[in-house]
Amino acid sequence: MNQSILPLPGEIAHGGAFPSIEAIIPHRGTMLLLDSVAACSDESLTADASVRADAWYADAQGAMPAWIGIELMAQAIAAHVGLLSMREGKPVRSGVLLGTRRYAALCPAFASGAPLRVTVKELLRSEEGHGAYDCTIEQDGALCAEATVKVYQPRDFQTFIKESYGS
């Protein structure tokens, strides 16, 4: 029931672990905030991220503002859903962040150079593509942020965007 998703069918192992984060989620360039997947099961995923002092989000001290944590959580959810899809031999699809409930940042920013550990635990995932996850971000083993995040993965992302925002 709570078995590790390893190995994936057709996976090219990176260090005997998971595919690269670029193979799992659609984010690219400076919008890709996660570094790698550390652990994954049917119900949860743990990912690692690094705070880069030269990143677009960096404040004067090179730190990541805590509100960016919501995006870290959303990308970890995308990685979880992506790995589940890959395991089933299905393509990785795009989704959207619907919102968050009770985002609590216990620090104003994530320190420059500090490794972050993002953990997401599935609460709900419907056949229609709706999902909810309990999420946490830890820095040096200390809880820095937590939230419940809601997401949606439409069957046809391009049609969803056209219908939502016009042609």
Protein backbone atom coordinates (compact mmCIF):
# COMPACT_ATOMS: atom_id res chain seq x y z
CA MET A 1 0.00 0.00 0.00
CA ASN A 2 2.63 2.60 0.98
CA GLN A 3 5.34 1.18 -1.25
CA SER A 4 8.12 3.20 -2.78
CA ILE A 5 7.72 4.12 -6.42
CA LEU A 6 11.03 2.65 -7.50
CA PRO A 7 11.94 1.64 -10.07
CA LEU A 8 9.64 3.17 -12.63
CA PRO A 9 8.99 1.28 -15.88
CA GLY A 10 11.52 2.44 -18.45
CA GLU A 11 13.25 4.70 -15.94
CA ILE A 12 16.80 5.78 -16.46
CA ALA A 13 18.06 5.90 -12.91
CA HIS A 14 20.05 8.90 -11.75
CA GLY A 15 22.30 7.65 -8.99
CA GLY A 16 19.98 4.69 -8.51
CA ALA A 17 17.13 7.00 -7.55
CA PHE A 18 14.51 8.96 -9.49
CA PRO A 19 14.45 10.60 -12.92
CA SER A 20 15.68 14.18 -13.13
CA ILE A 21 13.20 16.77 -11.92
CA GLU A 22 13.01 18.14 -15.50
CA ALA A 23 11.65 14.77 -16.65
CA ILE A 24 8.91 14.85 -14.02
CA ILE A 25 7.51 18.41 -14.03
CA PRO A 26 6.99 20.94 -16.85
CA HIS A 27 8.74 23.89 -15.16
CA ARG A 28 11.89 25.15 -16.87
CA GLY A 29 14.59 27.75 -16.48
CA THR A 30 14.36 30.09 -13.53
CA MET A 31 10.85 28.86 -12.70
CA LEU A 32 12.15 25.38 -11.85
CA LEU A 33 12.69 25.65 -8.09
CA LEU A 34 13.15 22.00 -7.07
CA ASP A 35 16.49 20.21 -7.40
CA SER A 36 15.50 16.55 -7.03
CA VAL A 37 13.13 13.97 -5.60
CA ALA A 38 14.42 12.35 -2.40
CA ALA A 39 11.55 9.91 -1.72
CA CYS A 40 8.18 8.98 -3.14
CA SER A 41 5.30 6.65 -2.29
CA ASP A 42 1.75 6.28 -3.56
CA GLU A 43 0.62 8.90 -1.04
CA SER A 44 3.56 11.28 -0.62
CA LEU A 45 6.72 12.79 -2.03
CA THR A 46 9.75 14.51 -0.55
CA ALA A 47 11.84 16.84 -2.72
CA ASP A 48 14.96 18.90 -2.17
CA ALA A 49 15.50 22.51 -3.19
CA SER A 50 18.36 24.98 -2.81
CA VAL A 51 17.99 28.68 -2.09
CA ARG A 52 20.10 30.53 -4.66
CA ALA A 53 21.33 34.03 -3.78
CA ASP A 54 21.37 35.05 -7.47
CA ALA A 55 17.83 33.85 -8.27
CA TRP A 56 15.05 36.15 -9.49
CA TYR A 57 13.26 35.85 -6.14
CA ALA A 58 16.28 36.67 -3.92
CA ASP A 59 16.00 39.57 -1.51
CA ALA A 60 18.91 41.87 -0.55
CA GLN A 61 20.38 39.11 1.64
CA GLY A 62 20.02 36.50 -1.12
CA ALA A 63 17.17 34.76 0.72
CA MET A 64 13.96 33.33 -0.74
CA PRO A 65 10.86 35.12 0.58
CA ALA A 66 8.65 32.69 2.49
CA TRP A 67 5.68 33.27 0.16
CA ILE A 68 7.60 31.44 -2.59
CA GLY A 69 7.07 28.35 -0.44
CA ILE A 70 3.62 27.92 -1.98
CA GLU A 71 5.26 27.43 -5.39
CA LEU A 72 7.77 24.96 -3.93
CA MET A 73 4.83 22.97 -2.57
CA ALA A 74 2.98 23.11 -5.90
CA GLN A 75 6.06 21.86 -7.77
CA ALA A 76 6.47 18.99 -5.31
CA ILE A 77 2.82 18.06 -5.90
CA ALA A 78 3.45 18.17 -9.65
CA ALA A 79 6.43 15.85 -9.14
CA HIS A 80 4.28 13.41 -7.15
CA VAL A 81 1.56 13.33 -9.79
CA GLY A 82 4.20 13.12 -12.54
CA LEU A 83 5.92 10.11 -10.98
CA LEU A 84 2.58 8.35 -10.48
CA SER A 85 1.76 8.96 -14.16
CA MET A 86 5.18 7.71 -15.28
CA ARG A 87 4.78 4.57 -13.20
CA GLU A 88 1.50 3.87 -15.01
CA GLY A 89 3.16 4.45 -18.40
CA LYS A 90 1.21 7.67 -18.95
CA PRO A 91 2.63 11.02 -20.05
CA VAL A 92 3.35 13.75 -17.51
CA ARG A 93 0.63 16.42 -17.84
CA SER A 94 0.38 20.04 -16.77
CA GLY A 95 -1.87 21.21 -13.96
CA VAL A 96 -2.73 24.35 -12.04
CA LEU A 97 -2.52 25.54 -8.47
CA LEU A 98 -6.06 26.36 -7.32
CA GLY A 99 -5.17 27.78 -3.94
CA THR A 100 -3.88 27.18 -0.49
CA ARG A 101 -5.47 26.98 2.89
CA ARG A 102 -3.77 28.07 6.07
CA TYR A 103 -0.34 28.81 4.59
CA ALA A 104 1.77 29.40 7.67
CA ALA A 105 5.32 30.64 7.23
CA LEU A 106 7.24 30.26 10.46
CA CYS A 107 10.12 32.35 9.14
CA PRO A 108 10.07 35.48 6.92
CA ALA A 109 12.48 33.96 4.39
CA PHE A 110 14.47 30.84 3.56
CA ALA A 111 18.17 31.59 4.04
CA SER A 112 20.54 31.78 1.08
CA GLY A 113 22.41 28.56 0.43
CA ALA A 114 20.23 26.58 2.80
CA PRO A 115 18.90 23.22 1.65
CA LEU A 116 15.12 22.92 1.83
CA ARG A 117 13.13 19.71 2.19
CA VAL A 118 9.59 19.89 0.75
CA THR A 119 7.15 17.12 1.71
CA VAL A 120 3.67 16.69 0.25
CA LYS A 121 1.08 14.17 1.47
CA GLU A 122 -1.97 13.43 -0.61
CA LEU A 123 -5.30 14.01 1.12
CA LEU A 124 -7.52 13.70 -1.95
CA ARG A 125 -7.14 12.95 -5.64
CA SER A 126 -10.25 12.57 -7.79
CA GLU A 127 -10.72 10.95 -11.19
CA GLU A 128 -11.66 14.42 -12.49
CA GLY A 129 -8.19 15.74 -11.64
CA HIS A 130 -8.80 17.60 -8.36
CA GLY A 131 -6.31 17.10 -5.55
CA ALA A 132 -5.48 18.32 -2.07
CA TYR A 133 -2.19 17.87 -0.24
CA ASP A 134 -0.81 18.61 3.22
CA CYS A 135 2.57 20.24 2.63
CA THR A 136 5.58 21.20 4.72
CA ILE A 137 8.93 22.87 4.11
CA GLU A 138 11.84 22.21 6.45
CA GLN A 139 15.20 23.95 6.61
CA ASP A 140 17.95 22.21 8.58
CA GLY A 141 15.31 19.88 10.06
CA ALA A 142 13.16 22.73 11.41
CA LEU A 143 9.62 23.34 10.15
CA CYS A 144 9.56 26.63 8.21
CA ALA A 145 6.22 26.54 6.38
CA GLU A 146 3.08 24.43 6.12
CA ALA A 147 -0.18 24.51 4.18
CA THR A 148 -2.95 22.55 2.57
CA VAL A 149 -2.65 23.06 -1.19
CA LYS A 150 -5.37 22.41 -3.76
CA VAL A 151 -4.56 21.61 -7.38
CA TYR A 152 -6.33 20.67 -10.61
CA GLN A 153 -5.01 18.62 -13.52
CA PRO A 154 -7.41 18.87 -16.48
CA ARG A 155 -7.56 16.03 -18.97
CA ASP A 156 -6.75 18.48 -21.79
CA PHE A 157 -4.66 21.37 -20.48
CA GLN A 158 -4.66 23.43 -23.69
CA THR A 159 -8.46 23.27 -23.97
CA PHE A 160 -8.76 24.18 -20.29
CA ILE A 161 -6.57 27.26 -20.81
CA LYS A 162 -8.48 28.34 -23.93
CA GLU A 163 -11.84 27.93 -22.19
CA SER A 164 -10.60 29.68 -19.05
CA TYR A 165 -8.80 32.62 -20.66
CA GLY A 166 -10.22 32.81 -24.16
CA SER A 167 -8.49 32.02 -27.42
